[in-house]
């Protein structure tokens, strides 16, 4: 059972719609009780880092989710701000992140880029994955996904980066550490590439 965490932020119904089209069982968790029987977790997120952390911490689900991840080995996929929350901290806010994947979330420095870029980074862009990873199975090396963000995940461990995207420079757009995954883009809005990624995730 795929469980989408609903803590007040994120395109929850969009994920549900994709999995319904794929005929893959899915449910939405608003409380810890809704996590019973889950085999995969998706942590979506939109908006500011601090608000996302406040909402998630206030949801009452964090303790059980950490138990499921670190004790039971259940995979989790952070999406957009949900990926950024996996880091230790963010330049966007003052609150600590979850610290599940070593890294810091930084703002794009568009002023220093040779080619004129604008914030937010919005629209379709390529994701290049050099490594063979189950999240990108059955996809070509360059895949197109939909992005909407002004901050990016700067990995402290290069081995945790499984996908990169160019926006004035190459930044990490997909991460993995053991059973913890994260993508900066929105697979739920990325048509067939997004559907394939979400299907792959359901089969990990």
N, C-alpha and C. Protein backbone atom coordinates (compact mmCIF):
# COMPACT_ATOMS: atom_id res chain seq x y z
N UNK A 1 0.83 -1.19 0.00
CA UNK A 1 0.00 0.00 0.00
C UNK A 1 0.87 1.25 0.00
N UNK A 2 0.68 2.12 -0.99
CA UNK A 2 1.35 3.42 -1.04
C UNK A 2 0.58 4.38 -0.15
N UNK A 3 1.27 5.08 0.73
CA UNK A 3 0.61 6.04 1.61
C UNK A 3 1.16 7.44 1.34
N UNK A 4 0.25 8.37 1.03
CA UNK A 4 0.61 9.77 0.81
C UNK A 4 0.40 10.51 2.13
N UNK A 5 1.42 11.19 2.62
CA UNK A 5 1.31 11.93 3.88
C UNK A 5 0.63 13.27 3.62
N UNK A 6 -0.51 13.48 4.27
CA UNK A 6 -1.24 14.74 4.15
C UNK A 6 -1.09 15.50 5.46
N UNK A 7 -0.17 16.46 5.47
CA UNK A 7 0.05 17.28 6.64
C UNK A 7 -0.33 18.74 6.36
N UNK A 8 -1.13 18.93 5.30
CA UNK A 8 -1.64 20.24 4.96
C UNK A 8 -0.95 20.92 3.81
N UNK A 9 0.11 20.30 3.26
CA UNK A 9 0.86 20.88 2.15
C UNK A 9 1.15 19.80 1.11
N UNK A 10 1.03 20.14 -0.17
CA UNK A 10 1.38 19.17 -1.21
C UNK A 10 0.20 18.80 -2.06
N UNK A 11 0.51 18.29 -3.26
CA UNK A 11 -0.52 17.90 -4.22
C UNK A 11 -0.98 16.47 -3.96
N UNK A 12 -1.61 16.27 -2.82
CA UNK A 12 -1.95 14.91 -2.37
C UNK A 12 -2.86 14.21 -3.37
N UNK A 13 -3.92 14.88 -3.80
CA UNK A 13 -4.88 14.24 -4.69
C UNK A 13 -4.27 13.90 -6.04
N UNK A 14 -3.31 14.70 -6.49
CA UNK A 14 -2.65 14.41 -7.77
C UNK A 14 -1.92 13.06 -7.72
N UNK A 15 -1.27 12.77 -6.60
CA UNK A 15 -0.61 11.46 -6.44
C UNK A 15 -1.65 10.35 -6.42
N UNK A 16 -2.73 10.56 -5.69
CA UNK A 16 -3.80 9.56 -5.62
C UNK A 16 -4.34 9.28 -7.01
N UNK A 17 -4.54 10.33 -7.81
CA UNK A 17 -5.08 10.15 -9.16
C UNK A 17 -4.15 9.32 -10.03
N UNK A 18 -2.83 9.56 -9.93
CA UNK A 18 -1.87 8.79 -10.72
C UNK A 18 -1.94 7.32 -10.33
N UNK A 19 -1.92 7.03 -9.05
CA UNK A 19 -1.93 5.62 -8.62
C UNK A 19 -3.26 4.95 -8.93
N UNK A 20 -4.34 5.70 -8.90
CA UNK A 20 -5.63 5.12 -9.31
C UNK A 20 -5.61 4.75 -10.79
N UNK A 21 -5.01 5.60 -11.63
CA UNK A 21 -4.91 5.29 -13.06
C UNK A 21 -4.05 4.05 -13.28
N UNK A 22 -3.02 3.89 -12.44
CA UNK A 22 -2.12 2.74 -12.56
C UNK A 22 -2.68 1.49 -11.87
N UNK A 23 -3.83 1.64 -11.23
CA UNK A 23 -4.47 0.54 -10.50
C UNK A 23 -3.54 -0.02 -9.41
N UNK A 24 -2.89 0.90 -8.70
CA UNK A 24 -2.00 0.55 -7.59
C UNK A 24 -2.65 1.05 -6.30
N UNK A 25 -2.81 0.20 -5.29
CA UNK A 25 -3.47 0.60 -4.04
C UNK A 25 -2.79 1.80 -3.39
N UNK A 26 -3.57 2.78 -2.96
CA UNK A 26 -3.05 4.00 -2.38
C UNK A 26 -4.00 4.50 -1.30
N UNK A 27 -3.45 5.09 -0.25
CA UNK A 27 -4.30 5.76 0.73
C UNK A 27 -3.63 7.03 1.20
N UNK A 28 -4.36 7.86 1.91
CA UNK A 28 -3.87 9.14 2.42
C UNK A 28 -3.84 9.08 3.93
N UNK A 29 -2.71 9.52 4.50
CA UNK A 29 -2.55 9.50 5.97
C UNK A 29 -2.65 10.91 6.52
N UNK A 30 -3.65 11.13 7.37
CA UNK A 30 -3.79 12.38 8.12
C UNK A 30 -3.35 12.22 9.56
N UNK A 31 -3.32 10.97 10.04
CA UNK A 31 -2.92 10.66 11.41
C UNK A 31 -2.05 9.40 11.39
N UNK A 32 -1.43 9.12 12.51
CA UNK A 32 -0.59 7.92 12.62
C UNK A 32 -1.39 6.64 12.37
N UNK A 33 -2.66 6.63 12.76
CA UNK A 33 -3.49 5.44 12.56
C UNK A 33 -3.60 5.09 11.08
N UNK A 34 -3.54 6.09 10.21
CA UNK A 34 -3.67 5.86 8.77
C UNK A 34 -2.44 5.21 8.16
N UNK A 35 -1.36 5.10 8.93
CA UNK A 35 -0.12 4.52 8.43
C UNK A 35 -0.06 3.00 8.62
N UNK A 36 -1.03 2.44 9.30
CA UNK A 36 -1.05 1.00 9.53
C UNK A 36 -1.16 0.27 8.20
N UNK A 37 -0.26 -0.68 7.96
CA UNK A 37 -0.31 -1.48 6.75
C UNK A 37 0.40 -0.88 5.55
N UNK A 38 1.05 0.27 5.72
CA UNK A 38 1.73 0.88 4.58
C UNK A 38 3.01 0.12 4.22
N UNK A 39 3.34 0.13 2.93
CA UNK A 39 4.59 -0.48 2.48
C UNK A 39 5.52 0.55 1.83
N UNK A 40 4.98 1.71 1.44
CA UNK A 40 5.76 2.80 0.86
C UNK A 40 5.12 4.11 1.32
N UNK A 41 5.94 5.13 1.51
CA UNK A 41 5.45 6.43 1.96
C UNK A 41 5.91 7.50 0.97
N UNK A 42 5.02 8.45 0.69
CA UNK A 42 5.38 9.63 -0.11
C UNK A 42 5.14 10.86 0.74
N UNK A 43 6.17 11.72 0.84
CA UNK A 43 6.09 12.97 1.59
C UNK A 43 6.11 14.12 0.59
N UNK A 44 4.95 14.65 0.20
CA UNK A 44 4.93 15.78 -0.74
C UNK A 44 5.20 17.08 0.00
N UNK A 45 5.30 18.17 -0.74
CA UNK A 45 5.50 19.46 -0.09
C UNK A 45 5.51 20.60 -1.09
N UNK A 46 4.88 21.69 -0.73
CA UNK A 46 4.94 22.93 -1.50
C UNK A 46 5.06 24.08 -0.52
N UNK A 47 5.52 25.24 -1.02
CA UNK A 47 5.62 26.40 -0.15
C UNK A 47 6.96 26.52 0.53
N UNK A 48 6.98 27.18 1.69
CA UNK A 48 8.24 27.50 2.36
C UNK A 48 8.71 26.35 3.26
N UNK A 49 10.02 26.30 3.46
CA UNK A 49 10.64 25.24 4.24
C UNK A 49 10.15 25.23 5.68
N UNK A 50 10.21 26.38 6.36
CA UNK A 50 9.81 26.42 7.77
C UNK A 50 8.35 26.04 7.97
N UNK A 51 7.48 26.51 7.10
CA UNK A 51 6.06 26.17 7.24
C UNK A 51 5.86 24.67 7.06
N UNK A 52 6.57 24.09 6.10
CA UNK A 52 6.46 22.65 5.88
C UNK A 52 6.93 21.88 7.11
N UNK A 53 8.06 22.28 7.69
CA UNK A 53 8.55 21.60 8.88
C UNK A 53 7.59 21.78 10.06
N UNK A 54 7.05 22.97 10.22
CA UNK A 54 6.08 23.20 11.30
C UNK A 54 4.85 22.32 11.14
N UNK A 55 4.33 22.26 9.93
CA UNK A 55 3.12 21.48 9.67
C UNK A 55 3.38 19.98 9.89
N UNK A 56 4.52 19.53 9.40
CA UNK A 56 4.84 18.11 9.53
C UNK A 56 5.06 17.73 10.99
N UNK A 57 5.81 18.55 11.71
CA UNK A 57 6.06 18.26 13.13
C UNK A 57 4.77 18.29 13.94
N UNK A 58 3.83 19.16 13.54
CA UNK A 58 2.55 19.29 14.26
C UNK A 58 1.56 18.20 13.89
N UNK A 59 1.85 17.45 12.83
CA UNK A 59 0.90 16.44 12.35
C UNK A 59 0.77 15.25 13.29
N UNK A 60 1.78 15.03 14.14
CA UNK A 60 1.77 13.88 15.04
C UNK A 60 2.23 12.59 14.39
N UNK A 61 2.66 12.66 13.11
CA UNK A 61 3.05 11.45 12.39
C UNK A 61 4.56 11.22 12.33
N UNK A 62 5.35 12.24 12.68
CA UNK A 62 6.80 12.13 12.46
C UNK A 62 7.42 10.95 13.21
N UNK A 63 7.09 10.77 14.46
CA UNK A 63 7.72 9.71 15.26
C UNK A 63 7.47 8.34 14.65
N UNK A 64 6.23 8.06 14.25
CA UNK A 64 5.92 6.75 13.67
C UNK A 64 6.57 6.60 12.31
N UNK A 65 6.58 7.67 11.51
CA UNK A 65 7.22 7.60 10.19
C UNK A 65 8.71 7.28 10.34
N UNK A 66 9.37 7.91 11.30
CA UNK A 66 10.79 7.61 11.52
C UNK A 66 10.99 6.17 11.97
N UNK A 67 10.07 5.66 12.74
CA UNK A 67 10.15 4.25 13.14
C UNK A 67 9.99 3.33 11.93
N UNK A 68 9.03 3.64 11.09
CA UNK A 68 8.79 2.82 9.89
C UNK A 68 10.00 2.84 8.96
N UNK A 69 10.64 4.00 8.83
CA UNK A 69 11.79 4.13 7.93
C UNK A 69 13.03 3.46 8.49
N UNK A 70 13.38 3.81 9.73
CA UNK A 70 14.68 3.41 10.27
C UNK A 70 14.67 2.06 10.99
N UNK A 71 13.53 1.63 11.46
CA UNK A 71 13.45 0.34 12.13
C UNK A 71 12.85 -0.75 11.24
N UNK A 72 11.83 -0.38 10.47
CA UNK A 72 11.16 -1.38 9.63
C UNK A 72 11.64 -1.38 8.19
N UNK A 73 12.44 -0.37 7.81
CA UNK A 73 13.01 -0.35 6.46
C UNK A 73 12.05 0.02 5.36
N UNK A 74 10.94 0.66 5.69
CA UNK A 74 9.96 1.06 4.69
C UNK A 74 10.50 2.25 3.89
N UNK A 75 10.42 2.24 2.56
CA UNK A 75 10.92 3.36 1.75
C UNK A 75 10.05 4.60 1.90
N UNK A 76 10.69 5.76 1.74
CA UNK A 76 9.98 7.04 1.70
C UNK A 76 10.52 7.85 0.53
N UNK A 77 9.62 8.57 -0.13
CA UNK A 77 9.98 9.43 -1.26
C UNK A 77 9.53 10.85 -0.94
N UNK A 78 10.50 11.77 -0.76
CA UNK A 78 10.20 13.18 -0.57
C UNK A 78 10.12 13.88 -1.91
N UNK A 79 9.11 14.73 -2.09
CA UNK A 79 8.88 15.39 -3.38
C UNK A 79 8.89 16.90 -3.19
N UNK A 80 9.69 17.60 -4.00
CA UNK A 80 9.82 19.06 -3.98
C UNK A 80 10.24 19.51 -2.58
N UNK A 81 9.43 20.30 -1.88
CA UNK A 81 9.80 20.69 -0.52
C UNK A 81 9.92 19.45 0.38
N UNK A 82 9.18 18.40 0.06
CA UNK A 82 9.31 17.15 0.79
C UNK A 82 10.70 16.56 0.69
N UNK A 83 11.37 16.77 -0.45
CA UNK A 83 12.77 16.37 -0.58
C UNK A 83 13.66 17.30 0.23
N UNK A 84 13.41 18.60 0.16
CA UNK A 84 14.24 19.55 0.89
C UNK A 84 14.17 19.33 2.39
N UNK A 85 13.03 18.90 2.89
CA UNK A 85 12.88 18.63 4.31
C UNK A 85 13.80 17.52 4.79
N UNK A 86 14.26 16.65 3.89
CA UNK A 86 15.15 15.55 4.27
C UNK A 86 16.53 16.05 4.70
N UNK A 87 16.88 17.29 4.32
CA UNK A 87 18.20 17.85 4.59
C UNK A 87 18.35 18.26 6.06
N UNK A 88 19.57 18.69 6.39
CA UNK A 88 19.84 19.16 7.75
C UNK A 88 19.26 20.54 8.01
N UNK A 89 19.28 21.40 6.98
CA UNK A 89 18.83 22.78 7.16
C UNK A 89 18.55 23.40 5.80
N UNK A 90 18.01 24.62 5.81
CA UNK A 90 17.72 25.33 4.57
C UNK A 90 18.02 26.82 4.74
N UNK A 91 18.56 27.41 3.69
CA UNK A 91 18.76 28.86 3.69
C UNK A 91 17.44 29.61 3.67
N UNK A 92 16.36 28.92 3.35
CA UNK A 92 15.05 29.58 3.29
C UNK A 92 14.46 29.82 4.68
N UNK A 93 14.89 29.04 5.66
CA UNK A 93 14.27 29.15 6.98
C UNK A 93 15.27 28.99 8.11
N UNK A 94 14.75 28.96 9.31
CA UNK A 94 15.57 28.85 10.51
C UNK A 94 15.43 27.50 11.21
N UNK A 95 14.36 26.78 10.93
CA UNK A 95 14.13 25.51 11.60
C UNK A 95 15.06 24.43 11.07
N UNK A 96 15.43 23.46 11.91
CA UNK A 96 16.22 22.33 11.41
C UNK A 96 15.36 21.45 10.51
N UNK A 97 16.03 20.84 9.54
CA UNK A 97 15.33 19.85 8.71
C UNK A 97 15.29 18.51 9.42
N UNK A 98 14.82 17.50 8.71
CA UNK A 98 14.71 16.17 9.29
C UNK A 98 16.09 15.54 9.50
N UNK A 99 17.06 15.91 8.68
CA UNK A 99 18.42 15.39 8.83
C UNK A 99 18.55 13.93 8.45
N UNK A 100 17.66 13.44 7.59
CA UNK A 100 17.72 12.04 7.19
C UNK A 100 18.74 11.80 6.09
N UNK A 101 19.04 12.85 5.30
CA UNK A 101 20.07 12.78 4.26
C UNK A 101 20.95 14.01 4.45
N UNK A 102 22.26 13.81 4.62
CA UNK A 102 23.15 14.94 4.88
C UNK A 102 23.16 15.92 3.72
N UNK A 103 22.85 17.17 4.02
CA UNK A 103 22.86 18.19 2.99
C UNK A 103 22.24 19.47 3.50
N UNK A 104 22.41 20.53 2.71
CA UNK A 104 21.82 21.82 3.03
C UNK A 104 21.08 22.33 1.81
N UNK A 105 19.92 22.91 2.04
CA UNK A 105 19.14 23.47 0.95
C UNK A 105 19.59 24.91 0.73
N UNK A 106 19.97 25.23 -0.51
CA UNK A 106 20.50 26.55 -0.84
C UNK A 106 19.65 27.23 -1.91
N UNK A 107 19.69 28.56 -1.91
CA UNK A 107 18.98 29.32 -2.93
C UNK A 107 19.83 29.44 -4.18
N UNK A 108 19.20 29.34 -5.36
CA UNK A 108 19.92 29.58 -6.60
C UNK A 108 20.49 30.99 -6.61
N UNK A 109 21.77 31.11 -6.90
CA UNK A 109 22.41 32.42 -7.02
C UNK A 109 22.40 32.83 -8.49
N UNK A 110 21.26 33.32 -8.96
CA UNK A 110 21.12 33.61 -10.39
C UNK A 110 22.02 34.77 -10.81
N UNK A 111 22.39 35.65 -9.89
CA UNK A 111 23.23 36.80 -10.23
C UNK A 111 24.63 36.36 -10.67
N UNK A 112 25.07 35.21 -10.18
CA UNK A 112 26.42 34.74 -10.51
C UNK A 112 26.46 33.85 -11.75
N UNK A 113 25.31 33.56 -12.32
CA UNK A 113 25.27 32.66 -13.47
C UNK A 113 25.62 33.41 -14.75
N UNK A 114 26.39 32.77 -15.62
CA UNK A 114 26.79 33.38 -16.88
C UNK A 114 25.60 33.59 -17.80
N UNK A 115 24.70 32.63 -17.80
CA UNK A 115 23.49 32.73 -18.61
C UNK A 115 22.36 33.26 -17.74
N UNK A 116 21.59 34.20 -18.26
CA UNK A 116 20.50 34.80 -17.49
C UNK A 116 19.46 33.75 -17.12
N UNK A 117 19.19 33.62 -15.83
CA UNK A 117 18.18 32.71 -15.32
C UNK A 117 17.27 33.48 -14.37
N UNK A 118 16.09 32.93 -14.16
CA UNK A 118 15.11 33.60 -13.31
C UNK A 118 14.59 32.64 -12.25
N UNK A 119 14.10 33.21 -11.17
CA UNK A 119 13.47 32.42 -10.13
C UNK A 119 11.99 32.75 -10.05
N UNK A 120 11.17 31.73 -9.80
CA UNK A 120 11.58 30.33 -9.57
C UNK A 120 12.00 29.62 -10.85
N UNK A 121 12.74 28.54 -10.68
CA UNK A 121 12.99 27.60 -11.77
C UNK A 121 11.67 26.88 -12.02
N UNK A 122 11.03 27.20 -13.13
CA UNK A 122 9.67 26.70 -13.36
C UNK A 122 9.54 26.15 -14.77
N UNK A 123 8.93 24.99 -14.87
CA UNK A 123 8.67 24.38 -16.17
C UNK A 123 9.39 23.05 -16.32
N UNK A 124 9.48 22.60 -17.57
CA UNK A 124 10.04 21.30 -17.88
C UNK A 124 11.55 21.38 -18.03
N UNK A 125 12.25 20.38 -17.48
CA UNK A 125 13.70 20.32 -17.60
C UNK A 125 14.14 18.87 -17.54
N UNK A 126 15.34 18.63 -18.04
CA UNK A 126 15.87 17.27 -18.08
C UNK A 126 16.46 16.85 -16.73
N UNK A 127 16.34 15.59 -16.44
CA UNK A 127 17.04 14.97 -15.31
C UNK A 127 17.96 13.91 -15.89
N UNK A 128 19.23 14.02 -15.58
CA UNK A 128 20.22 13.07 -16.07
C UNK A 128 20.64 12.16 -14.92
N UNK A 129 20.51 10.87 -15.14
CA UNK A 129 20.91 9.90 -14.10
C UNK A 129 21.98 8.99 -14.69
N UNK A 130 23.17 9.14 -14.18
CA UNK A 130 24.28 8.30 -14.64
C UNK A 130 24.21 6.92 -14.01
N UNK A 131 23.68 6.87 -12.80
CA UNK A 131 23.66 5.61 -12.07
C UNK A 131 22.42 4.80 -12.43
N UNK A 132 22.57 3.50 -12.41
CA UNK A 132 21.42 2.63 -12.60
C UNK A 132 20.66 2.56 -11.28
N UNK A 133 19.53 3.20 -11.21
CA UNK A 133 18.76 3.21 -9.98
C UNK A 133 17.33 2.79 -10.27
N UNK A 134 16.74 2.07 -9.32
CA UNK A 134 15.40 1.52 -9.55
C UNK A 134 14.34 2.60 -9.73
N UNK A 135 14.60 3.81 -9.24
CA UNK A 135 13.63 4.89 -9.39
C UNK A 135 13.48 5.31 -10.85
N UNK A 136 14.54 5.13 -11.65
CA UNK A 136 14.53 5.56 -13.05
C UNK A 136 14.53 4.39 -14.03
N UNK A 137 14.10 3.24 -13.59
CA UNK A 137 14.04 2.08 -14.49
C UNK A 137 13.15 2.36 -15.69
N UNK A 138 13.50 1.78 -16.83
CA UNK A 138 12.70 1.85 -18.06
C UNK A 138 12.60 3.28 -18.60
N UNK A 139 13.57 4.12 -18.25
CA UNK A 139 13.61 5.47 -18.79
C UNK A 139 14.95 5.69 -19.47
N UNK A 140 14.98 6.57 -20.47
CA UNK A 140 16.25 6.89 -21.11
C UNK A 140 17.09 7.75 -20.17
N UNK A 141 18.35 7.96 -20.55
CA UNK A 141 19.28 8.68 -19.68
C UNK A 141 18.77 10.08 -19.33
N UNK A 142 18.25 10.80 -20.34
CA UNK A 142 17.69 12.12 -20.10
C UNK A 142 16.16 12.02 -20.06
N UNK A 143 15.61 12.46 -18.96
CA UNK A 143 14.17 12.39 -18.73
C UNK A 143 13.65 13.79 -18.43
N UNK A 144 12.42 14.09 -18.82
CA UNK A 144 11.89 15.43 -18.60
C UNK A 144 10.81 15.41 -17.52
N UNK A 145 10.99 16.33 -16.56
CA UNK A 145 10.04 16.44 -15.46
C UNK A 145 9.70 17.92 -15.24
N UNK A 146 8.61 18.12 -14.50
CA UNK A 146 8.15 19.49 -14.23
C UNK A 146 8.71 19.99 -12.90
N UNK A 147 9.32 21.19 -12.93
CA UNK A 147 9.94 21.79 -11.75
C UNK A 147 9.23 23.09 -11.37
N UNK A 148 9.26 23.39 -10.07
CA UNK A 148 8.80 24.69 -9.58
C UNK A 148 9.47 24.93 -8.23
N UNK A 149 10.61 25.65 -8.23
CA UNK A 149 11.35 25.85 -6.99
C UNK A 149 12.40 26.94 -7.16
N UNK A 150 12.83 27.51 -6.04
CA UNK A 150 13.89 28.52 -6.03
C UNK A 150 15.10 28.07 -5.21
N UNK A 151 14.98 26.90 -4.56
CA UNK A 151 16.04 26.36 -3.71
C UNK A 151 16.37 24.95 -4.18
N UNK A 152 17.58 24.51 -3.92
CA UNK A 152 18.01 23.18 -4.35
C UNK A 152 18.75 22.48 -3.21
N UNK A 153 18.80 21.16 -3.29
CA UNK A 153 19.42 20.31 -2.27
C UNK A 153 20.90 20.15 -2.61
N UNK A 154 21.76 20.63 -1.74
CA UNK A 154 23.21 20.48 -1.90
C UNK A 154 23.67 19.30 -1.05
N UNK A 155 23.95 18.15 -1.68
CA UNK A 155 24.33 16.93 -0.96
C UNK A 155 25.73 17.06 -0.36
N UNK A 156 25.88 16.63 0.87
CA UNK A 156 27.21 16.56 1.48
C UNK A 156 27.94 15.30 1.03
N UNK A 157 27.18 14.25 0.71
CA UNK A 157 27.75 13.01 0.22
C UNK A 157 27.37 12.85 -1.25
N UNK A 158 28.34 12.94 -2.13
CA UNK A 158 28.06 12.86 -3.56
C UNK A 158 27.37 11.55 -3.94
N UNK A 159 27.64 10.51 -3.17
CA UNK A 159 27.05 9.20 -3.47
C UNK A 159 25.53 9.19 -3.30
N UNK A 160 25.00 10.17 -2.58
CA UNK A 160 23.54 10.25 -2.39
C UNK A 160 22.83 10.86 -3.57
N UNK A 161 23.55 11.48 -4.50
CA UNK A 161 22.94 12.12 -5.67
C UNK A 161 22.77 11.09 -6.78
N UNK A 162 21.52 10.88 -7.21
CA UNK A 162 21.26 9.91 -8.28
C UNK A 162 20.70 10.56 -9.54
N UNK A 163 20.47 11.88 -9.50
CA UNK A 163 20.00 12.60 -10.67
C UNK A 163 20.41 14.06 -10.59
N UNK A 164 20.78 14.65 -11.74
CA UNK A 164 21.16 16.06 -11.78
C UNK A 164 20.40 16.76 -12.90
N UNK A 165 20.27 18.08 -12.73
CA UNK A 165 19.57 18.92 -13.70
C UNK A 165 20.37 20.20 -13.88
N UNK A 166 20.35 20.76 -15.09
CA UNK A 166 21.08 21.99 -15.36
C UNK A 166 20.15 23.20 -15.31
N UNK A 167 20.50 24.15 -14.46
CA UNK A 167 19.81 25.45 -14.44
C UNK A 167 20.86 26.50 -14.09
N UNK A 168 21.67 26.83 -15.09
CA UNK A 168 22.82 27.71 -14.87
C UNK A 168 24.03 26.96 -14.38
N UNK A 169 23.81 25.87 -13.68
CA UNK A 169 24.84 24.92 -13.25
C UNK A 169 24.11 23.62 -12.94
N UNK A 170 24.84 22.56 -12.76
CA UNK A 170 24.21 21.28 -12.45
C UNK A 170 23.92 21.18 -10.96
N UNK A 171 22.66 20.99 -10.63
CA UNK A 171 22.28 20.79 -9.23
C UNK A 171 21.66 19.41 -9.07
N UNK A 172 21.67 18.90 -7.86
CA UNK A 172 21.10 17.58 -7.57
C UNK A 172 19.59 17.67 -7.58
N UNK A 173 18.96 16.87 -8.43
CA UNK A 173 17.50 16.88 -8.53
C UNK A 173 16.87 15.57 -8.08
N UNK A 174 17.70 14.58 -7.72
CA UNK A 174 17.18 13.32 -7.17
C UNK A 174 18.24 12.74 -6.24
N UNK A 175 17.79 12.24 -5.10
CA UNK A 175 18.71 11.70 -4.09
C UNK A 175 18.22 10.33 -3.61
N UNK A 176 19.18 9.60 -3.05
CA UNK A 176 18.86 8.31 -2.44
C UNK A 176 19.88 8.01 -1.35
N UNK A 177 19.37 7.59 -0.21
CA UNK A 177 20.23 7.09 0.87
C UNK A 177 19.51 5.90 1.48
N UNK A 178 20.00 4.71 1.17
CA UNK A 178 19.35 3.47 1.62
C UNK A 178 17.90 3.44 1.14
N UNK A 179 16.93 3.48 2.04
CA UNK A 179 15.51 3.42 1.65
C UNK A 179 14.85 4.80 1.61
N UNK A 180 15.68 5.86 1.62
CA UNK A 180 15.17 7.23 1.58
C UNK A 180 15.46 7.84 0.21
N UNK A 181 14.40 8.27 -0.47
CA UNK A 181 14.51 8.85 -1.80
C UNK A 181 13.97 10.28 -1.78
N UNK A 182 14.45 11.08 -2.72
CA UNK A 182 13.90 12.43 -2.86
C UNK A 182 14.03 12.91 -4.29
N UNK A 183 13.02 13.66 -4.77
CA UNK A 183 13.08 14.27 -6.09
C UNK A 183 12.64 15.73 -5.96
N UNK A 184 13.38 16.62 -6.62
CA UNK A 184 13.04 18.04 -6.55
C UNK A 184 11.86 18.39 -7.45
N UNK A 185 11.68 17.63 -8.50
CA UNK A 185 10.61 17.87 -9.47
C UNK A 185 9.29 17.27 -8.99
N UNK A 186 8.25 17.48 -9.78
CA UNK A 186 6.91 16.99 -9.44
C UNK A 186 6.53 15.83 -10.36
N UNK A 187 6.75 14.58 -9.95
CA UNK A 187 6.34 13.45 -10.81
C UNK A 187 4.84 13.40 -11.03
N UNK A 188 4.07 13.88 -10.06
CA UNK A 188 2.61 13.84 -10.17
C UNK A 188 2.09 14.80 -11.24
N UNK A 189 2.98 15.67 -11.75
CA UNK A 189 2.61 16.63 -12.80
C UNK A 189 3.42 16.42 -14.08
N UNK A 190 4.13 15.30 -14.16
CA UNK A 190 5.10 15.10 -15.23
C UNK A 190 4.70 14.04 -16.24
N UNK A 191 3.41 13.83 -16.43
CA UNK A 191 2.88 12.95 -17.47
C UNK A 191 3.53 11.57 -17.44
N UNK A 192 3.94 11.04 -18.61
CA UNK A 192 4.35 9.64 -18.65
C UNK A 192 5.65 9.38 -17.90
N UNK A 193 6.57 10.34 -17.90
CA UNK A 193 7.80 10.14 -17.13
C UNK A 193 7.48 10.07 -15.63
N UNK A 194 6.60 10.95 -15.19
CA UNK A 194 6.21 10.96 -13.78
C UNK A 194 5.47 9.69 -13.39
N UNK A 195 4.58 9.25 -14.26
CA UNK A 195 3.84 8.01 -13.97
C UNK A 195 4.79 6.83 -13.87
N UNK A 196 5.78 6.77 -14.77
CA UNK A 196 6.73 5.66 -14.73
C UNK A 196 7.54 5.69 -13.45
N UNK A 197 7.96 6.89 -13.03
CA UNK A 197 8.74 6.99 -11.79
C UNK A 197 7.90 6.56 -10.59
N UNK A 198 6.66 6.99 -10.51
CA UNK A 198 5.81 6.60 -9.39
C UNK A 198 5.50 5.10 -9.41
N UNK A 199 5.36 4.55 -10.60
CA UNK A 199 5.18 3.10 -10.73
C UNK A 199 6.43 2.37 -10.26
N UNK A 200 7.61 2.86 -10.71
CA UNK A 200 8.86 2.25 -10.26
C UNK A 200 8.98 2.28 -8.74
N UNK A 201 8.61 3.41 -8.16
CA UNK A 201 8.71 3.54 -6.71
C UNK A 201 7.82 2.52 -6.00
N UNK A 202 6.65 2.29 -6.56
CA UNK A 202 5.71 1.34 -5.94
C UNK A 202 6.26 -0.08 -5.94
N UNK A 203 7.24 -0.35 -6.83
CA UNK A 203 7.78 -1.71 -6.99
C UNK A 203 9.12 -1.91 -6.28
N UNK A 204 9.62 -0.87 -5.62
CA UNK A 204 10.89 -0.99 -4.91
C UNK A 204 10.74 -1.89 -3.68
